[in-house]
Structure formats: C-alpha cells, structure tokens
C-alpha cells in the first residue's frame, strides 16, 4: 500500500494503433505480451491506453461509404471497432483494468483514480484515437504520450514507399506540426496520417512530449513509457 513517503506515480498515456493490434501476424501472441507489459507498467505509473481501429475499422468504413453513410455515421462505426479492440485488450490485462471500457474522456479520468491501466477506444466523431490520447494527456497533465504505430518513428518520407527514407530521431513541435498538416488530407473517417492534427496542437500547447515507436517492438514501447532512451522519434 502506498505511503505518504512514496513518490507520486507519473501519469503516462499510450496510443496503440489498430495497425499493430490486429495484423493477421501472431496477433494472439502479441496481445498477450502487450497485456503483460501494460499490467506491469500500470503498477509503475498511472497509465491510460487508447486503441485504434486499424484495417478492421477501415474496411467497415469503406463499405459504409459505398452505401452512402455520412462521415459522422462512419466515424461512429469506426469508434465501435476501437472499443472492441479496447475490450479485447482490457480483458487480457485483467483486474484492476475495467473490462467495460470508458466511453468518454471524463469516464477514463475517473477510472484512472481507481485503476491502472485504463484502456479505451474512441469517444466521439471527429477525433481519432491519437486525438483522444492527446486530450487525455492534457487533461491528466501527463508526463508523456507514447504513440505505438506500425513505423519505428517519424521519417522524412514514407519508408514503406521510399526505401531511402531517413528516420528523424528528434523533432520540434513546429516541424512536426507541418508534417502532420501535410499528411492530413481532409477531415474524413478512417484516414491515415502521422498523427491527429488536433492532438498535435494540444500537445504542443501543453508542452507534453510525444514519442513515436513501433508498436510491435515492445522493448521500445516499454522504454518510451518509462522516459528512457528508445528506438524511435521524440517530439517536443
């Protein structure tokens, strides 16, 4: 039991992209290892985790768009998928993590007073789960936000298209903001970008550092969560 002499736990937020959660490649093994990591890190810090929708959400959104659904309706469908991913991961982590995932930022903040980690998906149309993670980080005055995605950092060009692309290990917020703006096409459901545009602006204003790591490199994820040296990109 914590005592008055114990130092306060840092608050950390992790955004796990759907692009690494469900890929078709050893997903069960990865989810087990990720859950073990989150349970351990949840004892070291007050840890809030968001989960993305990935290819599953994009496929439902694609079908819905062809059926003529509105962007808000498509966002709602994507949010439902992110919450399924959150429930799957939360169930694997086990108590004290709530298995009925929070549906709002306020609920997540409330749950974090009693449990760690707390895992959630999307909250409302117009926000990606990266954006939700940024909102949480600002609301919680988090020490850092870690974005676990399918690339091991931020590159000068898309490394999946350009083999000669170079990873940028350190970025300032102004440079990162320009890169985010360039990769955000329009405000549409299911789009893929370096990071949520609103979220990047919020983190910059609050001066909360952002770390970008490959989500399947759990050593890098752990190091970034702890504020240690990691393979990836640090923004801030």
C-alpha atoms as a PDB file:
ATOM      1  CA  UNK A   1       0.000   0.000   0.000  1.00  0.00           C
ATOM      2  CA  UNK A   2       1.371   3.467  -0.897  1.00  0.00           C
ATOM      3  CA  UNK A   3       2.564   5.621   1.990  1.00  0.00           C
ATOM      4  CA  UNK A   4       2.990   9.369   2.353  1.00  0.00           C
ATOM      5  CA  UNK A   5       6.721   8.937   1.799  1.00  0.00           C
ATOM      6  CA  UNK A   6       6.283   7.221  -1.570  1.00  0.00           C
ATOM      7  CA  UNK A   7       6.966   9.460  -4.590  1.00  0.00           C
ATOM      8  CA  UNK A   8       3.874  10.092  -6.730  1.00  0.00           C
ATOM      9  CA  UNK A   9       3.491   7.892  -9.781  1.00  0.00           C
ATOM     10  CA  UNK A  10       3.973   9.641 -13.126  1.00  0.00           C
ATOM     11  CA  UNK A  11       0.979   9.753 -15.447  1.00  0.00           C
ATOM     12  CA  UNK A  12       1.629   8.351 -18.900  1.00  0.00           C
ATOM     13  CA  UNK A  13      -0.632   7.900 -21.932  1.00  0.00           C
ATOM     14  CA  UNK A  14      -0.139   5.275 -24.636  1.00  0.00           C
ATOM     15  CA  UNK A  15      -1.881   5.274 -28.009  1.00  0.00           C
ATOM     16  CA  UNK A  16      -1.742   1.830 -29.643  1.00  0.00           C
ATOM     17  CA  UNK A  17      -2.587   1.945 -33.321  1.00  0.00           C
ATOM     18  CA  UNK A  18      -5.011  -0.544 -34.795  1.00  0.00           C
ATOM     19  CA  UNK A  19      -2.319  -1.115 -37.425  1.00  0.00           C
ATOM     20  CA  UNK A  20      -0.298  -3.080 -34.854  1.00  0.00           C
ATOM     21  CA  UNK A  21      -3.094  -4.565 -32.754  1.00  0.00           C
ATOM     22  CA  UNK A  22      -4.673  -6.773 -35.415  1.00  0.00           C
ATOM     23  CA  UNK A  23      -2.438  -7.512 -38.403  1.00  0.00           C
ATOM     24  CA  UNK A  24      -3.019 -11.201 -39.097  1.00  0.00           C
ATOM     25  CA  UNK A  25       0.522 -11.996 -37.917  1.00  0.00           C
ATOM     26  CA  UNK A  26       0.717 -13.622 -34.460  1.00  0.00           C
ATOM     27  CA  UNK A  27      -1.945 -11.291 -33.070  1.00  0.00           C
ATOM     28  CA  UNK A  28      -2.723 -13.581 -30.115  1.00  0.00           C
ATOM     29  CA  UNK A  29       0.916 -13.787 -29.050  1.00  0.00           C
ATOM     30  CA  UNK A  30       1.375 -10.043 -29.435  1.00  0.00           C
ATOM     31  CA  UNK A  31      -1.753  -9.184 -27.454  1.00  0.00           C
ATOM     32  CA  UNK A  32      -0.660 -11.481 -24.639  1.00  0.00           C
ATOM     33  CA  UNK A  33       2.778  -9.877 -24.462  1.00  0.00           C
ATOM     34  CA  UNK A  34       1.347  -6.370 -24.735  1.00  0.00           C
ATOM     35  CA  UNK A  35      -1.135  -7.087 -21.937  1.00  0.00           C
ATOM     36  CA  UNK A  36       1.676  -8.363 -19.708  1.00  0.00           C
ATOM     37  CA  UNK A  37       3.670  -5.190 -20.389  1.00  0.00           C
ATOM     38  CA  UNK A  38       0.691  -2.914 -19.703  1.00  0.00           C
ATOM     39  CA  UNK A  39      -0.119  -4.675 -16.435  1.00  0.00           C
ATOM     40  CA  UNK A  40       3.459  -4.222 -15.238  1.00  0.00           C
ATOM     41  CA  UNK A  41       3.721  -0.599 -16.393  1.00  0.00           C
ATOM     42  CA  UNK A  42       0.331   0.134 -14.849  1.00  0.00           C
ATOM     43  CA  UNK A  43       1.904  -0.542 -11.467  1.00  0.00           C
ATOM     44  CA  UNK A  44       4.812   1.838 -12.145  1.00  0.00           C
ATOM     45  CA  UNK A  45       2.659   4.703 -13.408  1.00  0.00           C
ATOM     46  CA  UNK A  46      -0.904   5.883 -13.811  1.00  0.00           C
ATOM     47  CA  UNK A  47      -1.330   4.541 -17.319  1.00  0.00           C
ATOM     48  CA  UNK A  48      -4.107   5.373 -19.784  1.00  0.00           C
ATOM     49  CA  UNK A  49      -4.204   3.485 -23.090  1.00  0.00           C
ATOM     50  CA  UNK A  50      -6.175   4.125 -26.267  1.00  0.00           C
ATOM     51  CA  UNK A  51      -6.644   1.539 -29.018  1.00  0.00           C
ATOM     52  CA  UNK A  52      -7.182   2.261 -32.700  1.00  0.00           C
ATOM     53  CA  UNK A  53      -9.412   0.547 -35.229  1.00  0.00           C
ATOM     54  CA  UNK A  54      -6.886  -0.275 -37.946  1.00  0.00           C
ATOM     55  CA  UNK A  55      -7.761  -2.224 -41.048  1.00  0.00           C
ATOM     56  CA  UNK A  56     -10.915  -3.675 -39.473  1.00  0.00           C
ATOM     57  CA  UNK A  57     -12.385  -0.217 -38.964  1.00  0.00           C
ATOM     58  CA  UNK A  58     -11.267   0.951 -42.402  1.00  0.00           C
ATOM     59  CA  UNK A  59     -12.974  -1.992 -44.082  1.00  0.00           C
ATOM     60  CA  UNK A  60     -16.295  -1.267 -42.357  1.00  0.00           C
ATOM     61  CA  UNK A  61     -15.885   2.423 -43.173  1.00  0.00           C
ATOM     62  CA  UNK A  62     -15.180   1.594 -46.825  1.00  0.00           C
ATOM     63  CA  UNK A  63     -18.367  -0.458 -47.073  1.00  0.00           C
ATOM     64  CA  UNK A  64     -20.380   2.191 -45.264  1.00  0.00           C
ATOM     65  CA  UNK A  65     -19.085   4.930 -47.547  1.00  0.00           C
ATOM     66  CA  UNK A  66     -20.120   2.943 -50.621  1.00  0.00           C
ATOM     67  CA  UNK A  67     -23.559   2.564 -49.039  1.00  0.00           C
ATOM     68  CA  UNK A  68     -23.800   6.349 -48.722  1.00  0.00           C
ATOM     69  CA  UNK A  69     -23.417   6.764 -44.953  1.00  0.00           C
ATOM     70  CA  UNK A  70     -22.402  10.179 -43.658  1.00  0.00           C
ATOM     71  CA  UNK A  71     -18.938  10.863 -42.270  1.00  0.00           C
ATOM     72  CA  UNK A  72     -20.397  11.085 -38.747  1.00  0.00           C
ATOM     73  CA  UNK A  73     -22.048   7.692 -39.157  1.00  0.00           C
ATOM     74  CA  UNK A  74     -18.792   6.275 -40.491  1.00  0.00           C
ATOM     75  CA  UNK A  75     -16.909   7.746 -37.525  1.00  0.00           C
ATOM     76  CA  UNK A  76     -19.363   6.068 -35.156  1.00  0.00           C
ATOM     77  CA  UNK A  77     -18.752   2.712 -36.851  1.00  0.00           C
ATOM     78  CA  UNK A  78     -15.004   3.189 -36.512  1.00  0.00           C
ATOM     79  CA  UNK A  79     -15.396   4.102 -32.834  1.00  0.00           C
ATOM     80  CA  UNK A  80     -17.296   0.867 -32.219  1.00  0.00           C
ATOM     81  CA  UNK A  81     -14.381  -1.115 -33.666  1.00  0.00           C
ATOM     82  CA  UNK A  82     -11.837   0.729 -31.493  1.00  0.00           C
ATOM     83  CA  UNK A  83     -13.909  -0.115 -28.431  1.00  0.00           C
ATOM     84  CA  UNK A  84     -13.968  -3.796 -29.390  1.00  0.00           C
ATOM     85  CA  UNK A  85     -10.167  -3.703 -29.558  1.00  0.00           C
ATOM     86  CA  UNK A  86     -10.083  -1.964 -26.171  1.00  0.00           C
ATOM     87  CA  UNK A  87     -12.356  -4.592 -24.614  1.00  0.00           C
ATOM     88  CA  UNK A  88     -10.235  -7.397 -26.034  1.00  0.00           C
ATOM     89  CA  UNK A  89      -7.035  -5.917 -24.625  1.00  0.00           C
ATOM     90  CA  UNK A  90      -8.598  -4.931 -21.293  1.00  0.00           C
ATOM     91  CA  UNK A  91      -9.942  -8.441 -20.772  1.00  0.00           C
ATOM     92  CA  UNK A  92      -6.474  -9.869 -21.370  1.00  0.00           C
ATOM     93  CA  UNK A  93      -4.857  -7.403 -18.953  1.00  0.00           C
ATOM     94  CA  UNK A  94      -7.403  -8.299 -16.293  1.00  0.00           C
ATOM     95  CA  UNK A  95      -8.166  -6.631 -12.940  1.00  0.00           C
ATOM     96  CA  UNK A  96      -7.974  -3.878 -11.894  1.00  0.00           C
ATOM     97  CA  UNK A  97      -8.398  -2.704 -15.506  1.00  0.00           C
ATOM     98  CA  UNK A  98     -12.119  -2.095 -16.193  1.00  0.00           C
ATOM     99  CA  UNK A  99     -13.424  -4.570 -18.779  1.00  0.00           C
ATOM    100  CA  UNK A 100     -16.291  -2.227 -19.730  1.00  0.00           C
ATOM    101  CA  UNK A 101     -14.197   0.441 -21.393  1.00  0.00           C
ATOM    102  CA  UNK A 102     -14.818   4.150 -20.725  1.00  0.00           C
ATOM    103  CA  UNK A 103     -16.803   5.911 -23.438  1.00  0.00           C
ATOM    104  CA  UNK A 104     -15.633   9.457 -22.634  1.00  0.00           C
ATOM    105  CA  UNK A 105     -12.529  11.312 -21.511  1.00  0.00           C
ATOM    106  CA  UNK A 106     -14.230  12.145 -18.201  1.00  0.00           C
ATOM    107  CA  UNK A 107     -15.008   8.477 -17.543  1.00  0.00           C
ATOM    108  CA  UNK A 108     -11.417   7.485 -18.307  1.00  0.00           C
ATOM    109  CA  UNK A 109     -10.045  10.133 -15.932  1.00  0.00           C
ATOM    110  CA  UNK A 110     -12.434   8.948 -13.214  1.00  0.00           C
ATOM    111  CA  UNK A 111     -11.454   5.296 -13.678  1.00  0.00           C
ATOM    112  CA  UNK A 112      -7.754   6.163 -13.547  1.00  0.00           C
ATOM    113  CA  UNK A 113      -8.218   7.318  -9.943  1.00  0.00           C
ATOM    114  CA  UNK A 114      -9.050   3.709  -9.045  1.00  0.00           C
ATOM    115  CA  UNK A 115      -7.244   1.517 -11.579  1.00  0.00           C
ATOM    116  CA  UNK A 116      -4.197   1.396 -13.836  1.00  0.00           C
ATOM    117  CA  UNK A 117      -4.014   0.783 -16.701  1.00  0.00           C
ATOM    118  CA  UNK A 118      -7.306   2.096 -18.024  1.00  0.00           C
ATOM    119  CA  UNK A 119      -7.974   1.166 -21.657  1.00  0.00           C
ATOM    120  CA  UNK A 120     -10.429   2.850 -24.027  1.00  0.00           C
ATOM    121  CA  UNK A 121     -11.174   3.290 -27.707  1.00  0.00           C
ATOM    122  CA  UNK A 122     -12.654   6.291 -29.461  1.00  0.00           C
ATOM    123  CA  UNK A 123     -15.039   8.734 -27.823  1.00  0.00           C
ATOM    124  CA  UNK A 124     -16.913  10.843 -30.370  1.00  0.00           C
ATOM    125  CA  UNK A 125     -16.945  11.616 -34.106  1.00  0.00           C
ATOM    126  CA  UNK A 126     -14.201  13.911 -35.318  1.00  0.00           C
ATOM    127  CA  UNK A 127     -11.460  12.576 -33.042  1.00  0.00           C
ATOM    128  CA  UNK A 128      -9.031   9.802 -33.894  1.00  0.00           C
ATOM    129  CA  UNK A 129      -7.819   7.631 -31.029  1.00  0.00           C
ATOM    130  CA  UNK A 130      -4.488   9.503 -31.253  1.00  0.00           C
ATOM    131  CA  UNK A 131      -6.530  12.643 -30.679  1.00  0.00           C
ATOM    132  CA  UNK A 132      -8.301  11.025 -27.735  1.00  0.00           C
ATOM    133  CA  UNK A 133      -4.910  10.087 -26.289  1.00  0.00           C
ATOM    134  CA  UNK A 134      -3.741  13.699 -26.639  1.00  0.00           C
ATOM    135  CA  UNK A 135      -6.890  15.027 -24.965  1.00  0.00           C
ATOM    136  CA  UNK A 136      -6.356  12.553 -22.140  1.00  0.00           C
ATOM    137  CA  UNK A 137      -2.706  13.542 -21.781  1.00  0.00           C
ATOM    138  CA  UNK A 138      -3.602  17.218 -21.489  1.00  0.00           C
ATOM    139  CA  UNK A 139      -6.476  16.568 -19.096  1.00  0.00           C
ATOM    140  CA  UNK A 140      -4.266  14.358 -16.912  1.00  0.00           C
ATOM    141  CA  UNK A 141      -1.205  16.642 -17.199  1.00  0.00           C
ATOM    142  CA  UNK A 142       0.696  13.570 -18.298  1.00  0.00           C
ATOM    143  CA  UNK A 143       4.469  13.368 -18.232  1.00  0.00           C
ATOM    144  CA  UNK A 144       4.497  11.993 -21.785  1.00  0.00           C
ATOM    145  CA  UNK A 145       2.446  10.410 -24.549  1.00  0.00           C
ATOM    146  CA  UNK A 146       3.706   7.395 -26.471  1.00  0.00           C
ATOM    147  CA  UNK A 147       2.322   6.660 -29.927  1.00  0.00           C
ATOM    148  CA  UNK A 148       2.811   2.975 -30.813  1.00  0.00           C
ATOM    149  CA  UNK A 149       2.298   2.654 -34.540  1.00  0.00           C
ATOM    150  CA  UNK A 150       3.409   0.482 -37.470  1.00  0.00           C
ATOM    151  CA  UNK A 151       6.558   2.525 -38.214  1.00  0.00           C
ATOM    152  CA  UNK A 152       9.541   2.893 -35.868  1.00  0.00           C
ATOM    153  CA  UNK A 153       9.421   6.679 -35.737  1.00  0.00           C
ATOM    154  CA  UNK A 154       8.810   9.710 -37.933  1.00  0.00           C
ATOM    155  CA  UNK A 155      10.564   9.702 -41.322  1.00  0.00           C
ATOM    156  CA  UNK A 156      11.359  12.423 -43.828  1.00  0.00           C
ATOM    157  CA  UNK A 157       9.373  10.351 -46.358  1.00  0.00           C
ATOM    158  CA  UNK A 158       7.102   7.336 -46.094  1.00  0.00           C
ATOM    159  CA  UNK A 159       9.562   4.448 -45.544  1.00  0.00           C
ATOM    160  CA  UNK A 160       7.039   1.955 -46.910  1.00  0.00           C
ATOM    161  CA  UNK A 161       7.140   3.761 -50.264  1.00  0.00           C
ATOM    162  CA  UNK A 162      10.680   5.178 -50.268  1.00  0.00           C
ATOM    163  CA  UNK A 163      13.364   2.671 -49.161  1.00  0.00           C
ATOM    164  CA  UNK A 164      15.882   5.507 -48.765  1.00  0.00           C
ATOM    165  CA  UNK A 165      13.767   7.414 -46.234  1.00  0.00           C
ATOM    166  CA  UNK A 166      15.537   8.527 -43.041  1.00  0.00           C
ATOM    167  CA  UNK A 167      14.128   8.400 -39.527  1.00  0.00           C
ATOM    168  CA  UNK A 168      14.193  11.694 -37.636  1.00  0.00           C
ATOM    169  CA  UNK A 169      15.128  10.961 -34.027  1.00  0.00           C
ATOM    170  CA  UNK A 170      14.249  14.406 -32.594  1.00  0.00           C
ATOM    171  CA  UNK A 171      11.698  16.945 -33.852  1.00  0.00           C
ATOM    172  CA  UNK A 172      10.397  20.276 -32.580  1.00  0.00           C
ATOM    173  CA  UNK A 173       6.666  20.916 -32.478  1.00  0.00           C
ATOM    174  CA  UNK A 174       6.667  23.417 -35.340  1.00  0.00           C
ATOM    175  CA  UNK A 175       8.323  20.963 -37.736  1.00  0.00           C
ATOM    176  CA  UNK A 176       6.115  18.115 -36.614  1.00  0.00           C
ATOM    177  CA  UNK A 177       3.007  20.254 -36.980  1.00  0.00           C
ATOM    178  CA  UNK A 178       3.871  20.992 -40.603  1.00  0.00           C
ATOM    179  CA  UNK A 179       4.404  17.294 -41.311  1.00  0.00           C
ATOM    180  CA  UNK A 180       1.061  16.408 -39.734  1.00  0.00           C
ATOM    181  CA  UNK A 181      -0.737  19.064 -41.785  1.00  0.00           C
ATOM    182  CA  UNK A 182       0.841  17.763 -44.999  1.00  0.00           C
ATOM    183  CA  UNK A 183      -0.313  14.178 -44.352  1.00  0.00           C
ATOM    184  CA  UNK A 184      -3.863  15.040 -43.260  1.00  0.00           C
ATOM    185  CA  UNK A 185      -5.978  15.107 -46.418  1.00  0.00           C
ATOM    186  CA  UNK A 186      -9.392  16.115 -45.107  1.00  0.00           C
ATOM    187  CA  UNK A 187     -11.464  15.504 -42.001  1.00  0.00           C
ATOM    188  CA  UNK A 188     -12.812  12.131 -43.069  1.00  0.00           C
ATOM    189  CA  UNK A 189     -13.395   8.868 -41.217  1.00  0.00           C
ATOM    190  CA  UNK A 190     -10.711   6.197 -41.373  1.00  0.00           C
ATOM    191  CA  UNK A 191      -7.900   8.320 -42.780  1.00  0.00           C
ATOM    192  CA  UNK A 192      -4.269   7.515 -42.012  1.00  0.00           C
ATOM    193  CA  UNK A 193      -1.843  10.266 -41.022  1.00  0.00           C
ATOM    194  CA  UNK A 194       1.322  10.664 -38.966  1.00  0.00           C
ATOM    195  CA  UNK A 195      -0.742  11.883 -36.007  1.00  0.00           C
ATOM    196  CA  UNK A 196      -4.033  13.563 -35.249  1.00  0.00           C
ATOM    197  CA  UNK A 197      -3.833  17.260 -36.219  1.00  0.00           C
ATOM    198  CA  UNK A 198      -5.874  18.485 -33.255  1.00  0.00           C
ATOM    199  CA  UNK A 199      -3.929  16.219 -30.923  1.00  0.00           C
ATOM    200  CA  UNK A 200      -0.565  17.526 -32.117  1.00  0.00           C
ATOM    201  CA  UNK A 201      -1.673  21.090 -31.466  1.00  0.00           C
ATOM    202  CA  UNK A 202      -2.917  20.252 -27.979  1.00  0.00           C
ATOM    203  CA  UNK A 203       0.309  18.513 -27.008  1.00  0.00           C
ATOM    204  CA  UNK A 204       2.407  21.381 -28.368  1.00  0.00           C
ATOM    205  CA  UNK A 205       0.450  23.946 -26.347  1.00  0.00           C
ATOM    206  CA  UNK A 206       0.676  21.848 -23.187  1.00  0.00           C
ATOM    207  CA  UNK A 207       4.364  21.044 -23.810  1.00  0.00           C
ATOM    208  CA  UNK A 208       3.797  17.329 -23.335  1.00  0.00           C
ATOM    209  CA  UNK A 209       6.472  15.331 -25.193  1.00  0.00           C
ATOM    210  CA  UNK A 210       5.354  12.778 -27.769  1.00  0.00           C
ATOM    211  CA  UNK A 211       7.303   9.600 -28.505  1.00  0.00           C
ATOM    212  CA  UNK A 212       6.691   7.608 -31.696  1.00  0.00           C
ATOM    213  CA  UNK A 213       7.749   3.943 -31.651  1.00  0.00           C
ATOM    214  CA  UNK A 214       6.932   0.725 -33.466  1.00  0.00           C
ATOM    215  CA  UNK A 215       4.087  -0.848 -31.535  1.00  0.00           C
ATOM    216  CA  UNK A 216       5.342  -4.397 -32.076  1.00  0.00           C
ATOM    217  CA  UNK A 217       8.746  -3.502 -30.635  1.00  0.00           C
ATOM    218  CA  UNK A 218       7.682  -3.920 -27.019  1.00  0.00           C
ATOM    219  CA  UNK A 219      11.159  -3.104 -25.740  1.00  0.00           C
ATOM    220  CA  UNK A 220      10.904   0.303 -27.406  1.00  0.00           C
ATOM    221  CA  UNK A 221       7.355   0.757 -26.086  1.00  0.00           C
ATOM    222  CA  UNK A 222       8.455  -0.023 -22.527  1.00  0.00           C
ATOM    223  CA  UNK A 223      11.480   2.286 -22.693  1.00  0.00           C
ATOM    224  CA  UNK A 224       9.401   5.144 -24.105  1.00  0.00           C
ATOM    225  CA  UNK A 225       6.727   4.691 -21.426  1.00  0.00           C
ATOM    226  CA  UNK A 226       9.415   4.954 -18.768  1.00  0.00           C
ATOM    227  CA  UNK A 227      11.019   8.020 -20.298  1.00  0.00           C
ATOM    228  CA  UNK A 228      14.199   6.089 -21.113  1.00  0.00           C
ATOM    229  CA  UNK A 229      16.212   6.009 -24.329  1.00  0.00           C
ATOM    230  CA  UNK A 230      14.301   4.233 -27.105  1.00  0.00           C
ATOM    231  CA  UNK A 231      14.374   3.480 -30.822  1.00  0.00           C
ATOM    232  CA  UNK A 232      12.022   5.962 -32.451  1.00  0.00           C
ATOM    233  CA  UNK A 233      11.286   9.696 -32.596  1.00  0.00           C
ATOM    234  CA  UNK A 234      10.839  12.184 -29.772  1.00  0.00           C
ATOM    235  CA  UNK A 235       8.819  15.337 -30.421  1.00  0.00           C
ATOM    236  CA  UNK A 236       8.841  18.264 -28.042  1.00  0.00           C
END
